[in-house]
Amino acid sequence: MPPVQQQLPDLGHHHHPDHGTRTPTITQRFHDFDTEHPWIYVRLERLVTRRLAAGATRIGMKALFEALRWQQPGGVKGLNNNYTALYARRLLTDHPEWASAIEIRRRRSP
C-alpha cells in the first residue's frame, strides 16, 4: 500500500467560502470585484449615458474600460478585461433600451 499522504499545513491562502478550494470562475471573481468596487458600475453607466447623449450609436465595453482607467490617476487595480461581457450584461439587464448600442460578445467560459 502506498504511504498515507501527509496533510499540508494551511499556508494562509484565502479561499472564498462560496468557491471551495477550486479556482474561482470569472463570474465569481467578477462578483467579488463588483462588490468591492461598486463605483465602477456607476461610472460605466454614466459613461454610456454621456456617450449616447453625445450621439454614439455603438459603444464597446473595452473602450469604456480604457476610459475608466484613463480617468483614474492610479489606474483601476483588478479591472480585468475578462469582466467586459459581465458588465455589459449587467448594464443591459438594468437598461434594456441600450441593447442596440452596447456591443456584446458571446461568452466562452462560466
C-alpha atoms as a PDB file:
ATOM      1  CA  MET A   1       0.000   0.000   0.000  1.00  0.00           C
ATOM      2  CA  PRO A   2       1.241   3.493  -0.728  1.00  0.00           C
ATOM      3  CA  PRO A   3       2.086   5.619   2.323  1.00  0.00           C
ATOM      4  CA  VAL A   4      -0.619   7.924   3.649  1.00  0.00           C
ATOM      5  CA  GLN A   5      -0.016  11.376   2.247  1.00  0.00           C
ATOM      6  CA  GLN A   6       0.882  13.908   4.900  1.00  0.00           C
ATOM      7  CA  GLN A   7      -1.639  16.755   5.294  1.00  0.00           C
ATOM      8  CA  LEU A   8      -0.021  20.030   4.237  1.00  0.00           C
ATOM      9  CA  PRO A   9      -0.353  22.934   6.663  1.00  0.00           C
ATOM     10  CA  ASP A  10      -2.637  25.815   5.733  1.00  0.00           C
ATOM     11  CA  LEU A  11      -0.297  28.461   4.391  1.00  0.00           C
ATOM     12  CA  GLY A  12      -2.804  31.253   4.787  1.00  0.00           C
ATOM     13  CA  HIS A  13      -4.278  31.027   1.295  1.00  0.00           C
ATOM     14  CA  HIS A  14      -7.600  32.839   1.164  1.00  0.00           C
ATOM     15  CA  HIS A  15     -10.490  30.743  -0.080  1.00  0.00           C
ATOM     16  CA  HIS A  16     -13.803  32.456  -0.700  1.00  0.00           C
ATOM     17  CA  PRO A  17     -16.469  30.496   1.191  1.00  0.00           C
ATOM     18  CA  ASP A  18     -18.578  30.114  -1.957  1.00  0.00           C
ATOM     19  CA  HIS A  19     -15.640  28.952  -4.044  1.00  0.00           C
ATOM     20  CA  GLY A  20     -14.438  25.960  -2.043  1.00  0.00           C
ATOM     21  CA  THR A  21     -10.901  25.009  -2.968  1.00  0.00           C
ATOM     22  CA  ARG A  22     -11.430  25.232  -6.730  1.00  0.00           C
ATOM     23  CA  THR A  23     -10.149  28.217  -8.637  1.00  0.00           C
ATOM     24  CA  PRO A  24     -12.995  30.756  -8.761  1.00  0.00           C
ATOM     25  CA  THR A  25     -14.650  31.226 -12.143  1.00  0.00           C
ATOM     26  CA  ILE A  26     -14.547  34.549 -13.983  1.00  0.00           C
ATOM     27  CA  THR A  27     -18.147  35.115 -12.863  1.00  0.00           C
ATOM     28  CA  GLN A  28     -17.255  34.535  -9.197  1.00  0.00           C
ATOM     29  CA  ARG A  29     -14.211  36.812  -9.456  1.00  0.00           C
ATOM     30  CA  PHE A  30     -16.380  39.438 -11.184  1.00  0.00           C
ATOM     31  CA  HIS A  31     -18.998  39.353  -8.410  1.00  0.00           C
ATOM     32  CA  ASP A  32     -16.277  39.717  -5.758  1.00  0.00           C
ATOM     33  CA  PHE A  33     -14.696  42.609  -7.675  1.00  0.00           C
ATOM     34  CA  ASP A  34     -18.057  44.313  -8.265  1.00  0.00           C
ATOM     35  CA  THR A  35     -18.948  44.009  -4.573  1.00  0.00           C
ATOM     36  CA  GLU A  36     -15.629  45.601  -3.595  1.00  0.00           C
ATOM     37  CA  HIS A  37     -15.804  48.344  -6.270  1.00  0.00           C
ATOM     38  CA  PRO A  38     -19.480  49.339  -6.729  1.00  0.00           C
ATOM     39  CA  TRP A  39     -18.436  52.756  -8.086  1.00  0.00           C
ATOM     40  CA  ILE A  40     -17.114  51.146 -11.279  1.00  0.00           C
ATOM     41  CA  TYR A  41     -20.594  50.095 -12.401  1.00  0.00           C
ATOM     42  CA  VAL A  42     -21.921  53.575 -11.584  1.00  0.00           C
ATOM     43  CA  ARG A  43     -19.132  55.148 -13.679  1.00  0.00           C
ATOM     44  CA  LEU A  44     -19.781  52.765 -16.581  1.00  0.00           C
ATOM     45  CA  GLU A  45     -23.484  53.695 -16.512  1.00  0.00           C
ATOM     46  CA  ARG A  46     -22.552  57.377 -16.534  1.00  0.00           C
ATOM     47  CA  LEU A  47     -20.118  56.903 -19.448  1.00  0.00           C
ATOM     48  CA  VAL A  48     -22.758  55.081 -21.522  1.00  0.00           C
ATOM     49  CA  THR A  49     -25.362  57.756 -20.741  1.00  0.00           C
ATOM     50  CA  ARG A  50     -22.965  60.525 -21.794  1.00  0.00           C
ATOM     51  CA  ARG A  51     -21.879  58.784 -24.996  1.00  0.00           C
ATOM     52  CA  LEU A  52     -25.454  58.078 -26.033  1.00  0.00           C
ATOM     53  CA  ALA A  53     -26.399  61.707 -25.281  1.00  0.00           C
ATOM     54  CA  ALA A  54     -23.479  62.789 -27.470  1.00  0.00           C
ATOM     55  CA  GLY A  55     -24.906  60.769 -30.369  1.00  0.00           C
ATOM     56  CA  ALA A  56     -22.984  57.485 -30.164  1.00  0.00           C
ATOM     57  CA  THR A  57     -24.838  54.535 -31.668  1.00  0.00           C
ATOM     58  CA  ARG A  58     -22.315  51.786 -30.805  1.00  0.00           C
ATOM     59  CA  ILE A  59     -20.405  51.535 -27.542  1.00  0.00           C
ATOM     60  CA  GLY A  60     -17.689  48.963 -26.903  1.00  0.00           C
ATOM     61  CA  MET A  61     -17.080  47.893 -23.319  1.00  0.00           C
ATOM     62  CA  LYS A  62     -13.313  47.696 -23.815  1.00  0.00           C
ATOM     63  CA  ALA A  63     -13.334  51.379 -24.817  1.00  0.00           C
ATOM     64  CA  LEU A  64     -15.315  52.171 -21.648  1.00  0.00           C
ATOM     65  CA  PHE A  65     -12.787  50.239 -19.547  1.00  0.00           C
ATOM     66  CA  GLU A  66      -9.964  52.241 -21.134  1.00  0.00           C
ATOM     67  CA  ALA A  67     -11.840  55.492 -20.432  1.00  0.00           C
ATOM     68  CA  LEU A  68     -12.231  54.436 -16.789  1.00  0.00           C
ATOM     69  CA  ARG A  69      -8.552  53.585 -16.500  1.00  0.00           C
ATOM     70  CA  TRP A  70      -7.620  56.911 -18.077  1.00  0.00           C
ATOM     71  CA  GLN A  71      -9.858  58.839 -15.657  1.00  0.00           C
ATOM     72  CA  GLN A  72      -8.311  57.209 -12.586  1.00  0.00           C
ATOM     73  CA  PRO A  73      -4.830  58.643 -11.865  1.00  0.00           C
ATOM     74  CA  GLY A  74      -3.589  55.368 -10.368  1.00  0.00           C
ATOM     75  CA  GLY A  75      -5.447  53.115 -12.777  1.00  0.00           C
ATOM     76  CA  VAL A  76      -8.051  50.631 -11.572  1.00  0.00           C
ATOM     77  CA  LYS A  77      -6.373  47.697  -9.861  1.00  0.00           C
ATOM     78  CA  GLY A  78      -8.140  44.451 -10.657  1.00  0.00           C
ATOM     79  CA  LEU A  79     -10.294  45.764 -13.527  1.00  0.00           C
ATOM     80  CA  ASN A  80      -9.895  42.714 -15.719  1.00  0.00           C
ATOM     81  CA  ASN A  81     -10.813  42.819 -19.417  1.00  0.00           C
ATOM     82  CA  ASN A  82     -12.477  39.429 -18.847  1.00  0.00           C
ATOM     83  CA  TYR A  83     -15.200  41.379 -16.998  1.00  0.00           C
ATOM     84  CA  THR A  84     -16.316  43.389 -20.042  1.00  0.00           C
ATOM     85  CA  ALA A  85     -19.061  40.934 -21.053  1.00  0.00           C
ATOM     86  CA  LEU A  86     -20.307  40.626 -17.482  1.00  0.00           C
ATOM     87  CA  TYR A  87     -20.534  44.398 -17.026  1.00  0.00           C
ATOM     88  CA  ALA A  88     -22.224  44.669 -20.446  1.00  0.00           C
ATOM     89  CA  ARG A  89     -24.826  42.069 -19.454  1.00  0.00           C
ATOM     90  CA  ARG A  90     -25.470  43.847 -16.159  1.00  0.00           C
ATOM     91  CA  LEU A  91     -25.882  47.197 -17.935  1.00  0.00           C
ATOM     92  CA  LEU A  92     -28.316  45.640 -20.409  1.00  0.00           C
ATOM     93  CA  THR A  93     -30.308  43.992 -17.619  1.00  0.00           C
ATOM     94  CA  ASP A  94     -30.723  47.389 -15.960  1.00  0.00           C
ATOM     95  CA  HIS A  95     -31.116  49.319 -19.242  1.00  0.00           C
ATOM     96  CA  PRO A  96     -32.664  47.072 -21.916  1.00  0.00           C
ATOM     97  CA  GLU A  97     -33.148  50.170 -24.090  1.00  0.00           C
ATOM     98  CA  TRP A  98     -29.365  50.206 -24.626  1.00  0.00           C
ATOM     99  CA  ALA A  99     -29.391  46.809 -26.368  1.00  0.00           C
ATOM    100  CA  SER A 100     -28.757  48.241 -29.835  1.00  0.00           C
ATOM    101  CA  ALA A 101     -25.821  50.367 -28.646  1.00  0.00           C
ATOM    102  CA  ILE A 102     -23.826  48.101 -26.358  1.00  0.00           C
ATOM    103  CA  GLU A 103     -21.759  45.537 -28.182  1.00  0.00           C
ATOM    104  CA  ILE A 104     -21.879  42.138 -26.547  1.00  0.00           C
ATOM    105  CA  ARG A 105     -19.777  39.105 -27.381  1.00  0.00           C
ATOM    106  CA  ARG A 106     -20.769  35.544 -26.696  1.00  0.00           C
ATOM    107  CA  ARG A 107     -19.252  34.104 -23.546  1.00  0.00           C
ATOM    108  CA  ARG A 108     -16.812  31.249 -23.828  1.00  0.00           C
ATOM    109  CA  SER A 109     -16.458  30.415 -20.113  1.00  0.00           C
ATOM    110  CA  PRO A 110     -18.665  30.341 -16.998  1.00  0.00           C
END
